[in-house]
C-alpha atoms as a PDB file:
ATOM      1  CA  MET A   1      16.243  -2.987  12.497  1.00  0.00           C
ATOM      2  CA  SER A   2      12.740  -0.336  12.969  1.00  0.00           C
ATOM      3  CA  ALA A   3      12.134   2.061  15.283  1.00  0.00           C
ATOM      4  CA  ARG A   4      10.031  -0.376  17.294  1.00  0.00           C
ATOM      5  CA  ASN A   5      11.875  -3.329  16.792  1.00  0.00           C
ATOM      6  CA  GLN A   6       9.219  -6.175  18.050  1.00  0.00           C
ATOM      7  CA  SER A   7       6.682  -7.939  16.125  1.00  0.00           C
ATOM      8  CA  LEU A   8       4.081  -7.786  19.172  1.00  0.00           C
ATOM      9  CA  SER A   9       3.247  -4.068  20.043  1.00  0.00           C
ATOM     10  CA  PRO A  10       3.071  -3.485  23.734  1.00  0.00           C
ATOM     11  CA  ILE A  11      -0.317  -1.909  23.523  1.00  0.00           C
ATOM     12  CA  ASP A  12      -3.123  -4.207  22.844  1.00  0.00           C
ATOM     13  CA  ARG A  13      -5.083  -2.095  20.347  1.00  0.00           C
ATOM     14  CA  SER A  14      -8.487  -4.578  21.243  1.00  0.00           C
ATOM     15  CA  SER A  15     -10.513  -3.883  18.648  1.00  0.00           C
ATOM     16  CA  ASP A  16     -13.304  -5.747  20.082  1.00  0.00           C
ATOM     17  CA  ILE A  17     -13.715  -2.757  22.571  1.00  0.00           C
ATOM     18  CA  ARG A  18     -14.353  -0.081  19.931  1.00  0.00           C
ATOM     19  CA  ILE A  19     -18.162  -1.464  19.430  1.00  0.00           C
ATOM     20  CA  ASP A  20     -19.112  -1.534  22.987  1.00  0.00           C
ATOM     21  CA  ALA A  21     -19.884   2.313  23.837  1.00  0.00           C
ATOM     22  CA  ALA A  22     -20.708   1.717  27.697  1.00  0.00           C
ATOM     23  CA  LYS A  23     -17.188   0.016  27.811  1.00  0.00           C
ATOM     24  CA  LEU A  24     -15.102   2.890  26.106  1.00  0.00           C
ATOM     25  CA  ALA A  25     -17.045   5.705  28.016  1.00  0.00           C
ATOM     26  CA  LEU A  26     -15.893   3.315  31.500  1.00  0.00           C
ATOM     27  CA  LEU A  27     -12.402   3.042  30.834  1.00  0.00           C
ATOM     28  CA  TRP A  28     -12.177   6.955  29.916  1.00  0.00           C
ATOM     29  CA  GLN A  29     -12.639   7.514  33.328  1.00  0.00           C
ATOM     30  CA  SER A  30      -9.264   5.553  34.300  1.00  0.00           C
ATOM     31  CA  ALA A  31      -7.213   5.903  31.135  1.00  0.00           C
ATOM     32  CA  GLN A  32      -4.194   7.991  30.303  1.00  0.00           C
ATOM     33  CA  ILE A  33      -5.346  10.299  27.658  1.00  0.00           C
ATOM     34  CA  LEU A  34      -2.689  11.953  25.310  1.00  0.00           C
ATOM     35  CA  PRO A  35      -3.595  15.376  24.143  1.00  0.00           C
ATOM     36  CA  VAL A  36      -3.206  16.453  20.344  1.00  0.00           C
ATOM     37  CA  ILE A  37      -3.715  19.629  19.384  1.00  0.00           C
ATOM     38  CA  ASP A  38      -3.155  20.259  15.150  1.00  0.00           C
ATOM     39  CA  GLY A  39      -0.585  17.380  15.193  1.00  0.00           C
ATOM     40  CA  HIS A  40       1.581  18.634  18.228  1.00  0.00           C
ATOM     41  CA  ILE A  41       1.129  15.881  20.894  1.00  0.00           C
ATOM     42  CA  GLY A  42       1.543  16.590  24.681  1.00  0.00           C
ATOM     43  CA  ALA A  43       4.816  16.031  25.911  1.00  0.00           C
ATOM     44  CA  ASN A  44       7.301  17.323  28.263  1.00  0.00           C
ATOM     45  CA  ASP A  45      11.406  16.849  28.575  1.00  0.00           C
ATOM     46  CA  GLY A  46      11.303  13.953  26.159  1.00  0.00           C
ATOM     47  CA  GLU A  47       8.271  12.284  27.693  1.00  0.00           C
ATOM     48  CA  LEU A  48       4.534  12.220  26.761  1.00  0.00           C
ATOM     49  CA  ARG A  49       2.386  14.312  29.264  1.00  0.00           C
ATOM     50  CA  PHE A  50      -0.769  12.234  29.771  1.00  0.00           C
ATOM     51  CA  LEU A  51      -4.349  13.891  31.276  1.00  0.00           C
ATOM     52  CA  ASN A  52      -6.851  11.898  33.182  1.00  0.00           C
ATOM     53  CA  ALA A  53     -11.035  12.391  32.670  1.00  0.00           C
ATOM     54  CA  ALA A  54     -11.038  15.204  35.380  1.00  0.00           C
ATOM     55  CA  SER A  55      -7.848  17.343  34.364  1.00  0.00           C
ATOM     56  CA  VAL A  56      -9.931  17.020  30.460  1.00  0.00           C
ATOM     57  CA  GLU A  57     -13.272  18.456  31.804  1.00  0.00           C
ATOM     58  CA  LEU A  58     -11.345  21.121  33.394  1.00  0.00           C
ATOM     59  CA  LEU A  59      -9.673  22.170  30.260  1.00  0.00           C
ATOM     60  CA  THR A  60     -12.731  22.606  28.453  1.00  0.00           C
ATOM     61  CA  SER A  61     -12.892  26.368  29.561  1.00  0.00           C
ATOM     62  CA  SER A  62     -10.111  26.762  27.437  1.00  0.00           C
ATOM     63  CA  PHE A  63     -10.250  23.975  24.927  1.00  0.00           C
ATOM     64  CA  LYS A  64     -13.109  22.623  22.696  1.00  0.00           C
ATOM     65  CA  SER A  65     -14.879  19.583  23.825  1.00  0.00           C
ATOM     66  CA  GLY A  66     -13.152  17.109  20.907  1.00  0.00           C
ATOM     67  CA  GLU A  67     -13.306  14.224  20.118  1.00  0.00           C
ATOM     68  CA  ARG A  68     -11.729  11.220  21.992  1.00  0.00           C
ATOM     69  CA  TYR A  69     -10.170   7.882  20.019  1.00  0.00           C
ATOM     70  CA  PHE A  70      -9.733   4.811  21.778  1.00  0.00           C
ATOM     71  CA  LEU A  71      -5.492   3.805  21.826  1.00  0.00           C
ATOM     72  CA  GLY A  72      -5.675   0.438  23.671  1.00  0.00           C
ATOM     73  CA  LEU A  73      -4.633  -1.356  26.856  1.00  0.00           C
ATOM     74  CA  ALA A  74      -1.100  -1.824  27.934  1.00  0.00           C
ATOM     75  CA  ARG A  75      -0.367  -5.552  27.593  1.00  0.00           C
ATOM     76  CA  ASP A  76       1.543  -5.639  31.214  1.00  0.00           C
ATOM     77  CA  GLY A  77      -1.620  -4.455  33.541  1.00  0.00           C
ATOM     78  CA  GLY A  78      -4.419  -3.454  31.285  1.00  0.00           C
ATOM     79  CA  GLN A  79      -3.882   0.473  31.632  1.00  0.00           C
ATOM     80  CA  ALA A  80      -6.287   1.816  29.412  1.00  0.00           C
ATOM     81  CA  TYR A  81      -5.187   4.849  26.849  1.00  0.00           C
ATOM     82  CA  PHE A  82      -6.938   7.666  24.599  1.00  0.00           C
ATOM     83  CA  ALA A  83      -5.977  10.272  22.408  1.00  0.00           C
ATOM     84  CA  TRP A  84      -8.317  13.372  22.503  1.00  0.00           C
ATOM     85  CA  ARG A  85      -7.776  15.696  19.571  1.00  0.00           C
ATOM     86  CA  THR A  86      -8.931  19.296  20.445  1.00  0.00           C
ATOM     87  CA  SER A  87      -8.645  22.890  19.703  1.00  0.00           C
ATOM     88  CA  TRP A  88      -8.439  26.187  21.462  1.00  0.00           C
ATOM     89  CA  ILE A  89     -11.454  27.528  22.251  1.00  0.00           C
ATOM     90  CA  ASN A  90      -9.668  31.372  21.302  1.00  0.00           C
ATOM     91  CA  GLU A  91      -6.466  30.533  19.716  1.00  0.00           C
ATOM     92  CA  PRO A  92      -3.935  32.353  20.608  1.00  0.00           C
ATOM     93  CA  THR A  93      -1.488  34.051  17.746  1.00  0.00           C
ATOM     94  CA  ASP A  94       1.590  33.030  19.615  1.00  0.00           C
ATOM     95  CA  ASP A  95       2.641  29.609  18.543  1.00  0.00           C
ATOM     96  CA  GLU A  96       4.988  29.478  21.931  1.00  0.00           C
ATOM     97  CA  VAL A  97       1.913  30.323  23.966  1.00  0.00           C
ATOM     98  CA  LYS A  98      -0.693  28.042  21.427  1.00  0.00           C
ATOM     99  CA  PHE A  99       1.559  24.659  21.717  1.00  0.00           C
ATOM    100  CA  ASP A 100       3.160  25.465  25.451  1.00  0.00           C
ATOM    101  CA  GLY A 101       3.830  21.499  27.120  1.00  0.00           C
ATOM    102  CA  PHE A 102       3.025  20.562  23.218  1.00  0.00           C
ATOM    103  CA  ARG A 103       5.329  19.018  20.862  1.00  0.00           C
ATOM    104  CA  THR A 104       5.578  17.711  17.064  1.00  0.00           C
ATOM    105  CA  LEU A 105       6.190  13.726  17.144  1.00  0.00           C
ATOM    106  CA  ARG A 106       9.724  14.561  15.198  1.00  0.00           C
ATOM    107  CA  GLU A 107      10.710  16.479  18.109  1.00  0.00           C
ATOM    108  CA  VAL A 108      10.177  14.276  21.023  1.00  0.00           C
ATOM    109  CA  GLY A 109      10.007  10.216  18.793  1.00  0.00           C
ATOM    110  CA  GLY A 110      13.571   9.763  19.351  1.00  0.00           C
ATOM    111  CA  ASP A 111      13.499  10.000  23.173  1.00  0.00           C
ATOM    112  CA  LEU A 112      10.087   8.018  23.804  1.00  0.00           C
ATOM    113  CA  ASP A 113      10.312   4.510  24.962  1.00  0.00           C
ATOM    114  CA  GLU A 114       8.285   1.361  23.678  1.00  0.00           C
ATOM    115  CA  VAL A 115       5.166   2.349  24.908  1.00  0.00           C
ATOM    116  CA  GLU A 116       4.991   5.792  24.423  1.00  0.00           C
ATOM    117  CA  LEU A 117       6.329   5.846  20.972  1.00  0.00           C
ATOM    118  CA  THR A 118       3.833   3.341  20.021  1.00  0.00           C
ATOM    119  CA  LEU A 119       0.858   5.403  21.787  1.00  0.00           C
ATOM    120  CA  ALA A 120       2.477   8.667  19.923  1.00  0.00           C
ATOM    121  CA  MET A 121       2.404   7.265  16.818  1.00  0.00           C
ATOM    122  CA  HIS A 122      -0.994   6.111  17.000  1.00  0.00           C
ATOM    123  CA  ALA A 123      -2.525   9.299  18.134  1.00  0.00           C
ATOM    124  CA  VAL A 124      -1.249  11.326  15.604  1.00  0.00           C
ATOM    125  CA  GLY A 125      -1.913   9.117  12.681  1.00  0.00           C
ATOM    126  CA  LEU A 126      -5.470   8.584  14.175  1.00  0.00           C
ATOM    127  CA  SER A 127      -5.765  12.592  14.643  1.00  0.00           C
ATOM    128  CA  ASN A 128      -4.313  13.744  11.599  1.00  0.00           C
ATOM    129  CA  TRP A 129      -7.030  11.409   9.412  1.00  0.00           C
ATOM    130  CA  HIS A 130      -9.703  12.606  11.426  1.00  0.00           C
ATOM    131  CA  ALA A 131      -8.504  16.344  10.574  1.00  0.00           C
ATOM    132  CA  THR A 132      -8.656  15.772   6.523  1.00  0.00           C
ATOM    133  CA  HIS A 133     -11.689  13.705   6.385  1.00  0.00           C
ATOM    134  CA  PRO A 134     -14.479  15.933   8.265  1.00  0.00           C
ATOM    135  CA  ARG A 135     -16.999  15.293   5.144  1.00  0.00           C
ATOM    136  CA  CYS A 136     -17.948  12.073   3.340  1.00  0.00           C
ATOM    137  CA  SER A 137     -16.478  11.343  -0.106  1.00  0.00           C
ATOM    138  CA  ARG A 138     -19.712  10.017  -1.701  1.00  0.00           C
ATOM    139  CA  CYS A 139     -21.975  12.627  -0.975  1.00  0.00           C
ATOM    140  CA  GLY A 140     -19.945  15.728   1.185  1.00  0.00           C
ATOM    141  CA  SER A 141     -22.093  15.386   3.760  1.00  0.00           C
ATOM    142  CA  GLU A 142     -20.409  15.723   7.482  1.00  0.00           C
ATOM    143  CA  THR A 143     -19.141  12.507   9.059  1.00  0.00           C
ATOM    144  CA  VAL A 144     -19.011  12.446  12.664  1.00  0.00           C
ATOM    145  CA  SER A 145     -16.313  10.122  14.874  1.00  0.00           C
ATOM    146  CA  ASP A 146     -17.387   6.559  16.025  1.00  0.00           C
ATOM    147  CA  LEU A 147     -16.059   3.033  17.050  1.00  0.00           C
ATOM    148  CA  GLY A 148     -13.645   4.453  19.277  1.00  0.00           C
ATOM    149  CA  GLY A 149     -12.100   6.512  16.393  1.00  0.00           C
ATOM    150  CA  SER A 150     -11.475   4.056  14.145  1.00  0.00           C
ATOM    151  CA  VAL A 151     -14.043   5.046  11.596  1.00  0.00           C
ATOM    152  CA  ARG A 152     -15.560   7.894  10.609  1.00  0.00           C
ATOM    153  CA  VAL A 153     -19.619   7.818   9.708  1.00  0.00           C
ATOM    154  CA  CYS A 154     -21.686   9.622   7.052  1.00  0.00           C
ATOM    155  CA  ALA A 155     -24.247  11.758   8.839  1.00  0.00           C
ATOM    156  CA  ASN A 156     -26.307  11.481   5.334  1.00  0.00           C
ATOM    157  CA  ASP A 157     -26.221   8.062   3.943  1.00  0.00           C
ATOM    158  CA  SER A 158     -24.601   5.977   7.212  1.00  0.00           C
ATOM    159  CA  SER A 159     -21.521   5.160   5.471  1.00  0.00           C
ATOM    160  CA  GLN A 160     -18.456   4.351   7.060  1.00  0.00           C
ATOM    161  CA  HIS A 161     -14.955   5.687   5.989  1.00  0.00           C
ATOM    162  CA  HIS A 162     -11.845   4.277   7.513  1.00  0.00           C
ATOM    163  CA  PRO A 163      -8.430   6.046   8.468  1.00  0.00           C
ATOM    164  CA  ARG A 164      -6.024   5.416   5.300  1.00  0.00           C
ATOM    165  CA  THR A 165      -2.392   4.452   5.406  1.00  0.00           C
ATOM    166  CA  ASP A 166      -0.140   5.192   2.131  1.00  0.00           C
ATOM    167  CA  PRO A 167       2.903   2.741   1.837  1.00  0.00           C
ATOM    168  CA  ALA A 168       6.319   3.877   0.784  1.00  0.00           C
ATOM    169  CA  VAL A 169       9.030   2.009   0.536  1.00  0.00           C
ATOM    170  CA  ILE A 170      12.959   3.006   1.939  1.00  0.00           C
ATOM    171  CA  VAL A 171      15.644   1.601   0.484  1.00  0.00           C
ATOM    172  CA  LEU A 172      19.075   1.205   1.554  1.00  0.00           C
ATOM    173  CA  VAL A 173      21.640   0.880  -1.467  1.00  0.00           C
ATOM    174  CA  LYS A 174      24.880  -1.153  -1.537  1.00  0.00           C
ATOM    175  CA  ASP A 175      27.549  -1.936  -3.992  1.00  0.00           C
ATOM    176  CA  ALA A 176      29.600  -4.944  -3.927  1.00  0.00           C
ATOM    177  CA  ALA A 177      32.459  -3.261  -1.543  1.00  0.00           C
ATOM    178  CA  ASP A 178      29.315  -3.019   1.263  1.00  0.00           C
ATOM    179  CA  ARG A 179      28.969   0.855   0.880  1.00  0.00           C
ATOM    180  CA  ILE A 180      26.052   2.733   0.843  1.00  0.00           C
ATOM    181  CA  LEU A 181      24.580   5.277  -1.100  1.00  0.00           C
ATOM    182  CA  LEU A 182      22.604   8.049   0.608  1.00  0.00           C
ATOM    183  CA  GLY A 183      21.167  11.123  -0.748  1.00  0.00           C
ATOM    184  CA  HIS A 184      20.085  14.616  -0.059  1.00  0.00           C
ATOM    185  CA  GLN A 185      17.147  16.899  -0.581  1.00  0.00           C
ATOM    186  CA  PRO A 186      16.694  20.312  -0.604  1.00  0.00           C
ATOM    187  CA  ILE A 187      14.318  20.843   1.769  1.00  0.00           C
ATOM    188  CA  TRP A 188      16.739  19.050   4.541  1.00  0.00           C
ATOM    189  CA  PRO A 189      18.948  20.542   6.629  1.00  0.00           C
ATOM    190  CA  GLU A 190      22.680  21.009   4.520  1.00  0.00           C
ATOM    191  CA  LYS A 191      24.745  18.283   4.706  1.00  0.00           C
ATOM    192  CA  ARG A 192      21.822  16.015   5.855  1.00  0.00           C
ATOM    193  CA  PHE A 193      22.186  12.771   3.998  1.00  0.00           C
ATOM    194  CA  SER A 194      19.700   9.731   4.080  1.00  0.00           C
ATOM    195  CA  THR A 195      18.521   6.838   2.163  1.00  0.00           C
ATOM    196  CA  PHE A 196      15.525   6.335  -0.477  1.00  0.00           C
ATOM    197  CA  ALA A 197      12.004   6.238  -0.618  1.00  0.00           C
ATOM    198  CA  GLY A 198       8.831   6.851  -2.496  1.00  0.00           C
ATOM    199  CA  PHE A 199       5.591   5.998  -2.559  1.00  0.00           C
ATOM    200  CA  VAL A 200       3.873   2.579  -4.247  1.00  0.00           C
ATOM    201  CA  GLU A 201       2.002   3.746  -7.182  1.00  0.00           C
ATOM    202  CA  PRO A 202      -1.137   1.744  -8.013  1.00  0.00           C
ATOM    203  CA  GLY A 203      -0.499  -1.963  -9.929  1.00  0.00           C
ATOM    204  CA  GLU A 204       2.918  -1.590  -8.075  1.00  0.00           C
ATOM    205  CA  SER A 205       4.886  -4.062  -6.255  1.00  0.00           C
ATOM    206  CA  PHE A 206       6.899  -3.319  -3.260  1.00  0.00           C
ATOM    207  CA  GLU A 207       9.918  -4.707  -5.403  1.00  0.00           C
ATOM    208  CA  GLU A 208       9.132  -2.789  -8.482  1.00  0.00           C
ATOM    209  CA  CYS A 209       8.805   0.150  -6.630  1.00  0.00           C
ATOM    210  CA  VAL A 210      12.264  -0.031  -5.213  1.00  0.00           C
ATOM    211  CA  SER A 211      13.869  -0.703  -7.989  1.00  0.00           C
ATOM    212  CA  ARG A 212      11.520   2.579  -9.584  1.00  0.00           C
ATOM    213  CA  GLU A 213      12.506   4.891  -7.083  1.00  0.00           C
ATOM    214  CA  VAL A 214      16.014   4.168  -6.662  1.00  0.00           C
ATOM    215  CA  PHE A 215      16.613   4.325 -10.268  1.00  0.00           C
ATOM    216  CA  GLU A 216      14.679   7.961 -10.815  1.00  0.00           C
ATOM    217  CA  GLU A 217      16.539   9.378  -7.537  1.00  0.00           C
ATOM    218  CA  ALA A 218      19.262   7.875  -8.392  1.00  0.00           C
ATOM    219  CA  GLY A 219      19.908   6.581 -11.566  1.00  0.00           C
ATOM    220  CA  VAL A 220      20.781   2.886 -10.608  1.00  0.00           C
ATOM    221  CA  TYR A 221      19.144  -0.187 -11.022  1.00  0.00           C
ATOM    222  CA  CYS A 222      19.193  -2.395  -8.158  1.00  0.00           C
ATOM    223  CA  ASN A 223      18.952  -6.324  -7.732  1.00  0.00           C
ATOM    224  CA  ASP A 224      19.132  -8.837  -4.669  1.00  0.00           C
ATOM    225  CA  ILE A 225      16.164  -6.512  -3.111  1.00  0.00           C
ATOM    226  CA  ASN A 226      15.593  -7.795   0.839  1.00  0.00           C
ATOM    227  CA  TYR A 227      12.857  -6.794   2.894  1.00  0.00           C
ATOM    228  CA  LEU A 228      14.104  -5.528   6.463  1.00  0.00           C
ATOM    229  CA  ALA A 229      11.717  -4.042   8.792  1.00  0.00           C
ATOM    230  CA  SER A 230       8.645  -1.779   8.268  1.00  0.00           C
ATOM    231  CA  GLN A 231       8.033   1.158  10.663  1.00  0.00           C
ATOM    232  CA  ALA A 232       4.541   3.465  11.145  1.00  0.00           C
ATOM    233  CA  TRP A 233       5.502   6.868   9.760  1.00  0.00           C
ATOM    234  CA  PRO A 234       2.362   9.206  10.273  1.00  0.00           C
ATOM    235  CA  PHE A 235       3.930  12.537   8.558  1.00  0.00           C
ATOM    236  CA  PRO A 236       0.879  12.486   7.638  1.00  0.00           C
ATOM    237  CA  ALA A 237      -0.046   9.089   7.229  1.00  0.00           C
ATOM    238  CA  SER A 238       2.364   6.542   5.815  1.00  0.00           C
ATOM    239  CA  ILE A 239       3.851   3.011   6.769  1.00  0.00           C
ATOM    240  CA  MET A 240       7.530   2.956   5.440  1.00  0.00           C
ATOM    241  CA  ILE A 241       8.611  -0.650   4.350  1.00  0.00           C
ATOM    242  CA  ALA A 242      12.264  -1.005   4.331  1.00  0.00           C
ATOM    243  CA  PHE A 243      14.294  -2.880   1.720  1.00  0.00           C
ATOM    244  CA  GLU A 244      18.309  -3.269   1.077  1.00  0.00           C
ATOM    245  CA  ALA A 245      19.313  -3.551  -2.112  1.00  0.00           C
ATOM    246  CA  ILE A 246      22.699  -4.062  -4.137  1.00  0.00           C
ATOM    247  CA  THR A 247      23.731  -2.195  -7.416  1.00  0.00           C
ATOM    248  CA  ASP A 248      26.228  -3.720  -9.855  1.00  0.00           C
ATOM    249  CA  HIS A 249      26.950  -0.575 -11.205  1.00  0.00           C
ATOM    250  CA  PRO A 250      27.824   2.591  -8.912  1.00  0.00           C
ATOM    251  CA  ASP A 251      29.522   4.551 -10.906  1.00  0.00           C
ATOM    252  CA  THR A 252      26.430   5.420 -12.977  1.00  0.00           C
ATOM    253  CA  ALA A 253      24.913   6.616  -9.921  1.00  0.00           C
ATOM    254  CA  LYS A 254      23.693  10.207 -10.377  1.00  0.00           C
ATOM    255  CA  ALA A 255      20.900  12.371  -8.340  1.00  0.00           C
ATOM    256  CA  ASP A 256      17.866  13.197 -10.255  1.00  0.00           C
ATOM    257  CA  GLY A 257      18.465  16.776  -9.663  1.00  0.00           C
ATOM    258  CA  VAL A 258      14.881  17.559  -8.368  1.00  0.00           C
ATOM    259  CA  GLU A 259      14.060  15.567  -5.270  1.00  0.00           C
ATOM    260  CA  ILE A 260      17.834  14.356  -4.440  1.00  0.00           C
ATOM    261  CA  THR A 261      20.140  17.447  -5.232  1.00  0.00           C
ATOM    262  CA  GLU A 262      23.180  15.140  -4.447  1.00  0.00           C
ATOM    263  CA  ILE A 263      24.379  11.903  -4.146  1.00  0.00           C
ATOM    264  CA  ARG A 264      27.330  10.454  -1.920  1.00  0.00           C
ATOM    265  CA  TRP A 265      28.819   6.714  -1.578  1.00  0.00           C
ATOM    266  CA  PHE A 266      29.888   6.031   1.923  1.00  0.00           C
ATOM    267  CA  SER A 267      32.030   3.175   2.929  1.00  0.00           C
ATOM    268  CA  ARG A 268      31.999   3.073   7.019  1.00  0.00           C
ATOM    269  CA  ASP A 269      35.735   4.781   7.249  1.00  0.00           C
ATOM    270  CA  GLU A 270      34.356   7.594   5.255  1.00  0.00           C
ATOM    271  CA  MET A 271      30.887   7.976   7.386  1.00  0.00           C
ATOM    272  CA  LYS A 272      33.070   8.166  10.733  1.00  0.00           C
ATOM    273  CA  ALA A 273      35.470  10.758   9.082  1.00  0.00           C
ATOM    274  CA  ALA A 274      32.672  12.851   7.380  1.00  0.00           C
ATOM    275  CA  ILE A 275      30.353  12.970  11.098  1.00  0.00           C
ATOM    276  CA  ILE A 276      33.679  13.900  12.967  1.00  0.00           C
ATOM    277  CA  SER A 277      34.384  16.588  10.506  1.00  0.00           C
ATOM    278  CA  GLY A 278      30.831  17.614  10.333  1.00  0.00           C
ATOM    279  CA  GLU A 279      30.444  17.251   6.621  1.00  0.00           C
ATOM    280  CA  LEU A 280      27.916  14.947   7.196  1.00  0.00           C
ATOM    281  CA  LEU A 281      24.492  14.652   9.030  1.00  0.00           C
ATOM    282  CA  LEU A 282      22.307  11.973   9.238  1.00  0.00           C
ATOM    283  CA  PRO A 283      18.623  11.296   9.918  1.00  0.00           C
ATOM    284  CA  PRO A 284      16.986  11.277  13.354  1.00  0.00           C
ATOM    285  CA  THR A 285      17.137   8.133  15.760  1.00  0.00           C
ATOM    286  CA  ILE A 286      13.308   7.978  15.402  1.00  0.00           C
ATOM    287  CA  SER A 287      13.305   7.109  11.507  1.00  0.00           C
ATOM    288  CA  VAL A 288      13.826   3.541   9.967  1.00  0.00           C
ATOM    289  CA  ALA A 289      16.396   5.105   7.753  1.00  0.00           C
ATOM    290  CA  ARG A 290      18.861   6.057  10.617  1.00  0.00           C
ATOM    291  CA  LYS A 291      18.081   2.398  12.161  1.00  0.00           C
ATOM    292  CA  MET A 292      19.253   1.250   8.466  1.00  0.00           C
ATOM    293  CA  ILE A 293      22.303   3.318   8.351  1.00  0.00           C
ATOM    294  CA  THR A 294      23.056   2.250  12.242  1.00  0.00           C
ATOM    295  CA  GLY A 295      22.501  -1.758  11.219  1.00  0.00           C
ATOM    296  CA  TRP A 296      25.012  -1.774   8.357  1.00  0.00           C
ATOM    297  CA  TYR A 297      27.605   0.739  10.275  1.00  0.00           C
ATOM    298  CA  THR A 298      27.573  -1.756  12.991  1.00  0.00           C
ATOM    299  CA  ALA A 299      27.293  -5.024  11.426  1.00  0.00           C
ATOM    300  CA  LYS A 300      31.108  -4.865  10.679  1.00  0.00           C
ATOM    301  CA  SER A 301      33.598  -5.622  14.131  1.00  0.00           C
ATOM    302  CA  GLY A 302      34.986  -2.180  15.043  1.00  0.00           C
ATOM    303  CA  TYR A 303      32.328  -0.174  13.922  1.00  0.00           C
ATOM    304  CA  GLY A 304      29.737   0.888  17.037  1.00  0.00           C
ATOM    305  CA  VAL A 305      26.740   3.205  17.312  1.00  0.00           C
ATOM    306  CA  GLU A 306      28.700   5.945  19.798  1.00  0.00           C
ATOM    307  CA  ASP A 307      30.200   6.847  16.269  1.00  0.00           C
ATOM    308  CA  LEU A 308      27.077   8.012  14.531  1.00  0.00           C
ATOM    309  CA  ILE A 309      26.363  11.514  15.474  1.00  0.00           C
ATOM    310  CA  GLY A 310      24.369  12.831  13.233  1.00  0.00           C
ATOM    311  CA  GLY A 311      22.120  15.877  13.553  1.00  0.00           C
ATOM    312  CA  GLU A 312      18.472  15.479  15.494  1.00  0.00           C
ATOM    313  CA  SER A 313      16.596  18.086  13.509  1.00  0.00           C
ATOM    314  CA  TRP A 314      14.541  16.638  10.478  1.00  0.00           C
ATOM    315  CA  ARG A 315      14.307  19.807   8.694  1.00  0.00           C
ATOM    316  CA  PRO A 316      15.440  23.705   9.314  1.00  0.00           C
END
């Protein structure tokens, strides 16, 4: 169901190694290193582009020394992986030059295998957090990366600051006829429809958030709320908790007009016809939203994943 559907990650994060600076330095020398610049990861032709320690050293004439983040060890052989967050010493004004050999995770995520997607999600999530937390939230002093990139430490009061992950629910709404309700956000490409989602608020359970978000965005209350899966979503620092839910009053569904400007009910036949006619674009395959829609569509005999040929560009 989720973009990574196994319960055991293909990468062992090996948190015990993070406290051993000498071990991390040794692993760096034989590691596969994923470069990250402004949220863009090293990638070409749908595959990650890894560096080694020697090539990183050579690149320091053009790029800053940056920060190293330990991502873990491969479970199938112990290969070490790091992310290297860096920036240009003399930044090009042309983005095509600046990001040559780099792509956003949205662009390449759907083409990556399980190992590469796991590494890319971790690398981008960590890099985003480090980039936006250069100072201590207690005293305002500068912080430095420590413990393999798993924390930042205040240079003034030595307090530790840990990465944040913001929980958000995402919901596949169905009715008694087994149709699904999808909505369109104005920031999306024209004809892109997807499931409903929103951040969990303080003091709120996941189920309460599901009910609130669906009602706020689509005007219907849900029951029979069931957990499906979860997915890391480092855009910039979320985890998506996926649910399915039933509404008993599909005819009352109405877009809120702000976050959601249009809603549509789809049976499987209606979805297939809308995709063929070009009237419907689905979310990219990297997203758990697409996995939920695919899971629902293919649950009935005679409906295959090959029918779902929605667009892959998340935003214009």
